[in-house]
Structure formats: structure tokens, C-alpha cells
Amino acid sequence: MRNIQNPGSALGEAIGSQMEQALNNFLDTLCEELGYHFISASVIDGKKKLLMYDQFGTAFNIDAMIANASMQPIILFESKYIRYKKHNRDKGSWLCTAHPAIRRRYQSIRSSIAVLAGNWSSSSLAMMRSFDINIFLIPFERICELLAHHEIVFDWDEKDRMTAREAWEHYSQLTEYQQRAIGEEMVALVKDDLRSLIGRILDDSVKRDIEKVTIELHSNLGEVKIYEFGSVAEAVEFLNSEELKDVFLTIDSLTLFDPPPEIGYANGEEHSHKEESIGKV
């Protein structure tokens, strides 16, 4: 067994890698059944990274995507394992920057999906969902349960290097088949729901219609206002309004004393902004 300076990090990387490989295998098989292409590496000869670009030429290294027969991207995929919540901001912010920017250039994209494993804060998840990213969560507690079946203690304190080293040594003694099985067991927790969502996204029998119209107005002073409408008619009526010239009057602008927006969750709970933030960690 090779000498590892940071066994806890090495084990996390190994588990994340097994999860990603199991996810890719599942998606590759599913896409073949549905008549689509699953792509996790560059389609350009001699290139390895799957790079996609925004309308300004900025390159983003994407984990994977589903493309149609014409090789037009339909679904963007990201997968990530994170042990500590303090690392949420980096990955979450990157997703919220990269995926919307890519979708503005590749107009064939219908959805973004992120399979996230480990510890993710409710504020980070809310941030990603606000950018229309579909989240599939594999909780840290379930990972600990799966690893316990292989006699690996995974829930150690951040500074407990001894338990981390013992966990890495136990993992290293597993066969390749057993290591792959851990990734497959993690993906199995979300596989059915993931298959169902992908099937709905790729369903071409659904009639296309305009769901909403977004208007973004920029003043010559740098102010920005965004309006959303449920129909084209409502948007046109707004643009033809005599009051349009006054939209940048700042009397209705939020102040630093205004409370944050309330974010509702599926379980009915509200996020406490006092406990978590997306800012400095």
C-alpha cells in the first residue's frame, strides 16, 4: 500500500471517483436505451477535457452531458463528493456560474443536474436550485452506513488523523470489485428518481410552449431590473407601458435594512439565514 500523506482526503477522493464512475456507467447505459449520447470526455481528437464555452469564449470543464443524435447538448451533469460544508461555496458557486452561462450559448440545453454526495448546507442547495439546477443528494450519513458494511469507520472528527488512516487502510484492502460496489451503492440511492427525471426531460412528445418571459433592463447608470411575465402578451404590454421610463426610480429599491427573501423547502421548513451564509468561510 502506497504511503499517503493525507489519508482522509485520499479516501474521500477515492469514494468520489467510484461514485462518478458508477454514475457515468448508469447514465451511459440509460442513454443508449433512450437513443441519446452520454459524453464525459472531449469529442475532439487529442483532447481529454469536456470543455464547453459561454458566449464570450470562456471555457468551462464539464463533468458530463447528454447529447442528441446531432450532438447538440440536452442535459448538463456534475457530480461531487464533499465531506465538509466549508467547501460548499466553491463548488456551488462554480455550478451557478458555469451552467447558466453555458445554457445561454447552447440553446438546446433543457436542464442541469447535479448529483451531490456528502455534507451540503441548505443555503448552498437553495442557491443552486435558484439557478434551475436539479439536485440529487446522497447524504453523508448514508455514505457512513454504506462504508460501515465494509467495516470502514467514516464519521471521524476533522483533526482525527488516526481514524482517517485506519479507514484508508481498510478501504485499500478491499478488492477492486468491492471498491466499485461502494460507488454503485451510492448511486443506487438516487438512480430511480434520476432515471425518471431524465426520461421526462428527454420526452419529445411534450408540446413546446413559452413558460415565462424574462425582461432585463439596464440603465445608462449601471442599474439593473429584472421582470418576469407568464406570457408574451403580458411582456409586450409592459414594454408598451407609459411608465416604463420611470422603472429606474430608486424609491422602491431594497435597502441594507430589508430582510432576506424567505425560501421554502419541500419539507415545509424555512432556511435560517442566521445560521448559514454563502459568503466568507
Protein backbone atom coordinates (compact mmCIF):
# COMPACT_ATOMS: atom_id res chain seq x y z
CA MET A 1 0.00 0.00 0.00
CA ARG A 2 1.47 3.35 -1.02
CA ASN A 3 2.28 5.94 1.64
CA ILE A 4 -0.40 8.64 1.80
CA GLN A 5 0.23 11.99 3.49
CA ASN A 6 -3.47 12.81 3.91
CA PRO A 7 -5.41 9.51 4.17
CA GLY A 8 -8.74 11.23 4.87
CA SER A 9 -8.51 13.26 1.69
CA ALA A 10 -7.33 10.24 -0.29
CA LEU A 11 -10.31 8.19 0.88
CA GLY A 12 -12.72 11.00 0.01
CA GLU A 13 -11.23 11.31 -3.48
CA ALA A 14 -11.42 7.54 -3.98
CA ILE A 15 -15.07 7.38 -2.93
CA GLY A 16 -15.95 10.39 -5.07
CA SER A 17 -14.20 8.80 -8.04
CA GLN A 18 -16.07 5.50 -7.57
CA MET A 19 -19.36 7.38 -7.33
CA GLU A 20 -18.63 9.32 -10.53
CA GLN A 21 -17.66 6.16 -12.41
CA ALA A 22 -20.79 4.32 -11.26
CA LEU A 23 -22.93 7.31 -12.22
CA ASN A 24 -21.32 7.52 -15.65
CA ASN A 25 -21.86 3.80 -16.26
CA PHE A 26 -25.53 4.12 -15.30
CA LEU A 27 -26.08 7.19 -17.49
CA ASP A 28 -24.22 5.66 -20.43
CA THR A 29 -26.47 2.60 -20.35
CA LEU A 30 -29.61 4.70 -19.91
CA CYS A 31 -28.72 6.99 -22.83
CA GLU A 32 -28.08 4.01 -25.08
CA GLU A 33 -31.56 2.70 -24.23
CA LEU A 34 -33.14 6.09 -24.98
CA GLY A 35 -31.23 6.75 -28.19
CA TYR A 36 -29.02 9.56 -26.88
CA HIS A 37 -25.28 10.01 -26.40
CA PHE A 38 -23.66 10.19 -22.98
CA ILE A 39 -20.42 12.18 -23.14
CA SER A 40 -17.88 12.54 -20.33
CA ALA A 41 -14.78 13.48 -22.34
CA SER A 42 -13.96 15.74 -25.26
CA VAL A 43 -15.28 14.71 -28.68
CA ILE A 44 -12.26 16.40 -30.28
CA ASP A 45 -9.37 14.07 -31.16
CA GLY A 46 -6.37 14.53 -28.90
CA LYS A 47 -8.36 16.35 -26.22
CA LYS A 48 -9.46 14.86 -22.89
CA LYS A 49 -11.38 17.55 -21.02
CA LEU A 50 -15.03 18.12 -21.88
CA LEU A 51 -14.92 21.87 -22.44
CA MET A 52 -17.99 23.96 -23.18
CA TYR A 53 -17.97 27.70 -23.79
CA ASP A 54 -20.12 30.67 -22.91
CA GLN A 55 -20.98 33.37 -25.44
CA PHE A 56 -17.82 35.29 -24.51
CA GLY A 57 -15.46 32.37 -25.17
CA THR A 58 -14.86 31.40 -21.54
CA ALA A 59 -14.20 27.65 -21.26
CA PHE A 60 -15.80 25.50 -18.55
CA ASN A 61 -14.69 21.95 -17.81
CA ILE A 62 -17.94 19.98 -17.50
CA ASP A 63 -18.17 16.54 -15.88
CA ALA A 64 -20.59 15.10 -18.42
CA MET A 65 -23.59 15.75 -20.64
CA ILE A 66 -26.31 14.07 -22.66
CA ALA A 67 -26.46 14.96 -26.36
CA ASN A 68 -28.93 14.14 -29.12
CA ALA A 69 -28.18 12.47 -32.46
CA SER A 70 -26.92 15.78 -33.85
CA MET A 71 -24.50 16.09 -30.89
CA GLN A 72 -26.41 19.06 -29.50
CA PRO A 73 -26.23 19.15 -25.67
CA ILE A 74 -29.52 18.49 -23.88
CA ILE A 75 -28.59 17.92 -20.21
CA LEU A 76 -25.53 19.08 -18.26
CA PHE A 77 -24.22 16.88 -15.44
CA GLU A 78 -21.99 17.48 -12.46
CA SER A 79 -21.16 15.10 -9.61
CA LYS A 80 -19.28 15.96 -6.46
CA TYR A 81 -18.49 14.48 -3.07
CA ILE A 82 -17.71 16.95 -0.28
CA ARG A 83 -17.03 15.98 3.33
CA TYR A 84 -17.02 19.41 4.95
CA LYS A 85 -19.61 22.14 4.41
CA LYS A 86 -16.90 24.81 4.40
CA HIS A 87 -16.07 23.66 0.85
CA ASN A 88 -19.66 24.01 -0.40
CA ARG A 89 -19.27 27.57 -1.63
CA ASP A 90 -16.51 26.85 -4.16
CA LYS A 91 -18.34 24.04 -5.95
CA GLY A 92 -21.81 25.52 -5.58
CA SER A 93 -20.78 28.95 -6.84
CA TRP A 94 -18.96 27.40 -9.79
CA LEU A 95 -22.08 25.48 -10.80
CA CYS A 96 -24.22 28.61 -10.54
CA THR A 97 -21.77 30.47 -12.77
CA ALA A 98 -20.89 27.80 -15.32
CA HIS A 99 -24.19 26.11 -16.10
CA PRO A 100 -26.32 29.25 -16.70
CA ALA A 101 -23.53 30.78 -18.83
CA ILE A 102 -23.29 27.63 -20.94
CA ARG A 103 -27.07 27.40 -21.33
CA ARG A 104 -27.22 30.93 -22.72
CA ARG A 105 -24.93 29.84 -25.58
CA TYR A 106 -26.19 26.29 -26.22
CA GLN A 107 -29.90 26.88 -26.63
CA SER A 108 -30.66 23.16 -26.98
CA ILE A 109 -29.93 22.52 -23.28
CA ARG A 110 -33.08 21.72 -21.35
CA SER A 111 -31.76 21.02 -17.86
CA SER A 112 -28.83 20.96 -15.45
CA ILE A 113 -28.41 18.09 -12.99
CA ALA A 114 -26.02 17.82 -10.05
CA VAL A 115 -25.51 14.61 -8.06
CA LEU A 116 -24.06 15.77 -4.75
CA ALA A 117 -22.73 13.47 -2.04
CA GLY A 118 -21.60 14.27 1.48
CA ASN A 119 -22.34 17.33 3.60
CA TRP A 120 -24.13 20.16 1.78
CA SER A 121 -25.68 23.10 3.59
CA SER A 122 -29.28 24.09 2.95
CA SER A 123 -28.09 27.55 1.84
CA SER A 124 -25.79 26.06 -0.80
CA LEU A 125 -28.54 23.77 -2.08
CA ALA A 126 -31.01 26.66 -2.19
CA MET A 127 -28.51 28.76 -4.12
CA MET A 128 -28.05 26.04 -6.76
CA ARG A 129 -31.79 25.37 -7.06
CA SER A 130 -32.37 29.09 -7.60
CA PHE A 131 -30.32 28.71 -10.80
CA ASP A 132 -32.61 25.89 -12.03
CA ILE A 133 -30.14 23.13 -11.18
CA ASN A 134 -31.81 19.83 -10.29
CA ILE A 135 -30.19 18.40 -7.16
CA PHE A 136 -29.87 14.72 -6.26
CA LEU A 137 -28.43 14.42 -2.77
CA ILE A 138 -26.58 11.43 -1.28
CA PRO A 139 -26.36 12.38 2.42
CA PHE A 140 -23.13 11.92 4.37
CA GLU A 141 -24.94 9.74 6.92
CA ARG A 142 -25.96 7.25 4.23
CA ILE A 143 -22.38 7.08 2.97
CA CYS A 144 -21.23 6.29 6.51
CA GLU A 145 -23.80 3.49 6.67
CA LEU A 146 -22.65 2.03 3.36
CA LEU A 147 -18.99 2.10 4.39
CA ALA A 148 -19.82 0.56 7.77
CA HIS A 149 -20.95 -2.55 5.88
CA HIS A 150 -17.34 -2.81 4.70
CA GLU A 151 -16.06 -2.27 8.28
CA ILE A 152 -14.88 1.27 7.48
CA VAL A 153 -15.47 3.99 10.08
CA PHE A 154 -16.07 7.14 8.05
CA ASP A 155 -17.54 9.63 10.53
CA TRP A 156 -14.38 10.96 12.18
CA ASP A 157 -13.52 14.39 13.55
CA GLU A 158 -11.69 16.70 11.15
CA LYS A 159 -8.48 16.53 13.21
CA ASP A 160 -8.66 12.80 13.93
CA ARG A 161 -5.90 11.56 11.64
CA MET A 162 -5.65 8.13 13.29
CA THR A 163 -9.22 7.10 12.47
CA ALA A 164 -8.81 8.56 8.97
CA ARG A 165 -5.66 6.48 8.40
CA GLU A 166 -7.34 3.33 9.68
CA ALA A 167 -10.30 3.97 7.36
CA TRP A 168 -7.97 4.44 4.39
CA GLU A 169 -6.10 1.22 5.25
CA HIS A 170 -9.36 -0.72 5.44
CA TYR A 171 -10.50 0.72 2.11
CA SER A 172 -7.18 -0.10 0.45
CA GLN A 173 -7.54 -3.73 1.50
CA LEU A 174 -10.85 -4.06 -0.36
CA THR A 175 -10.84 -5.70 -3.77
CA GLU A 176 -11.46 -3.59 -6.87
CA TYR A 177 -14.90 -5.19 -7.09
CA GLN A 178 -15.72 -4.15 -3.50
CA GLN A 179 -14.49 -0.61 -4.13
CA ARG A 180 -16.64 -0.32 -7.25
CA ALA A 181 -19.59 -1.68 -5.29
CA ILE A 182 -19.38 1.30 -2.89
CA GLY A 183 -19.86 3.73 -5.78
CA GLU A 184 -22.71 1.63 -7.18
CA GLU A 185 -24.42 1.51 -3.79
CA MET A 186 -24.19 5.30 -3.50
CA VAL A 187 -25.68 5.86 -6.97
CA ALA A 188 -28.42 3.30 -6.25
CA LEU A 189 -29.83 5.75 -3.68
CA VAL A 190 -30.80 8.23 -6.43
CA LYS A 191 -30.91 6.05 -9.53
CA ASP A 192 -34.67 5.58 -9.82
CA ASP A 193 -35.51 9.27 -9.36
CA LEU A 194 -32.70 10.23 -11.72
CA ARG A 195 -33.96 7.86 -14.42
CA SER A 196 -37.48 9.27 -14.04
CA LEU A 197 -36.36 12.90 -14.36
CA ILE A 198 -34.14 12.23 -17.38
CA GLY A 199 -36.99 10.42 -19.09
CA ARG A 200 -39.26 13.44 -18.61
CA ILE A 201 -36.60 15.88 -19.82
CA LEU A 202 -35.95 13.88 -22.99
CA ASP A 203 -39.62 13.33 -23.77
CA ASP A 204 -40.11 14.97 -27.19
CA SER A 205 -43.84 14.25 -27.19
CA VAL A 206 -44.41 17.23 -24.89
CA LYS A 207 -45.60 20.25 -26.89
CA ARG A 208 -43.26 23.22 -26.63
CA ASP A 209 -44.72 26.39 -25.20
CA ILE A 210 -43.42 29.60 -23.69
CA GLU A 211 -43.44 29.13 -19.92
CA LYS A 212 -42.29 32.62 -18.96
CA VAL A 213 -40.80 35.77 -20.43
CA THR A 214 -37.91 37.48 -18.66
CA ILE A 215 -37.04 41.10 -19.39
CA GLU A 216 -33.76 42.52 -18.13
CA LEU A 217 -33.43 46.28 -18.24
CA HIS A 218 -30.12 48.15 -17.88
CA SER A 219 -29.91 51.87 -17.26
CA ASN A 220 -27.07 54.08 -18.51
CA LEU A 221 -26.01 54.45 -14.85
CA GLY A 222 -25.49 50.71 -14.43
CA GLU A 223 -28.70 49.84 -12.62
CA VAL A 224 -30.39 46.54 -13.47
CA LYS A 225 -34.01 45.49 -13.09
CA ILE A 226 -35.46 42.10 -13.97
CA TYR A 227 -39.13 41.40 -14.66
CA GLU A 228 -40.80 38.06 -15.28
CA PHE A 229 -44.14 37.51 -17.03
CA GLY A 230 -46.29 34.45 -17.59
CA SER A 231 -46.98 35.22 -21.25
CA VAL A 232 -45.69 37.13 -24.26
CA ALA A 233 -48.79 39.33 -24.19
CA GLU A 234 -48.07 40.47 -20.64
CA ALA A 235 -44.45 41.23 -21.51
CA VAL A 236 -45.44 43.26 -24.59
CA GLU A 237 -48.00 45.18 -22.57
CA PHE A 238 -45.29 46.04 -20.04
CA LEU A 239 -42.85 47.19 -22.75
CA ASN A 240 -45.55 49.42 -24.25
CA SER A 241 -46.38 50.96 -20.88
CA GLU A 242 -46.02 54.73 -20.47
CA GLU A 243 -44.49 54.10 -17.04
CA LEU A 244 -41.51 52.20 -18.49
CA LYS A 245 -39.32 55.30 -18.45
CA ASP A 246 -39.68 55.52 -14.66
CA VAL A 247 -38.69 51.96 -13.78
CA PHE A 248 -35.25 53.02 -12.59
CA LEU A 249 -36.51 55.43 -9.95
CA THR A 250 -34.79 54.11 -6.82
CA ILE A 251 -37.60 54.78 -4.37
CA ASP A 252 -38.64 51.11 -4.47
CA SER A 253 -35.11 49.70 -4.32
CA LEU A 254 -34.18 47.46 -1.39
CA THR A 255 -32.03 48.86 1.39
CA LEU A 256 -29.47 47.18 3.60
CA PHE A 257 -32.11 47.05 6.33
CA ASP A 258 -34.54 44.89 4.31
CA PRO A 259 -34.79 41.22 5.41
CA PRO A 260 -33.61 38.42 3.12
CA PRO A 261 -36.17 36.60 0.97
CA GLU A 262 -37.94 33.62 2.50
CA ILE A 263 -37.02 30.35 0.84
CA GLY A 264 -39.47 27.46 1.08
CA TYR A 265 -38.38 23.82 1.07
CA ALA A 266 -40.15 20.63 0.12
CA ASN A 267 -40.36 19.54 3.75
CA GLY A 268 -42.02 22.79 4.73
CA GLU A 269 -39.02 24.13 6.63
CA GLU A 270 -37.66 27.61 6.16
CA HIS A 271 -33.96 28.26 5.97
CA SER A 272 -32.50 30.29 8.83
CA HIS A 273 -30.24 32.98 7.39
CA LYS A 274 -28.71 33.49 10.81
CA GLU A 275 -27.14 30.05 10.80
CA GLU A 276 -25.54 29.88 7.36
CA SER A 277 -24.39 32.14 4.57
CA ILE A 278 -22.79 31.78 1.18
CA GLY A 279 -20.16 34.39 1.98
CA LYS A 280 -16.78 34.03 3.62
CA VAL A 281 -15.93 30.76 5.34
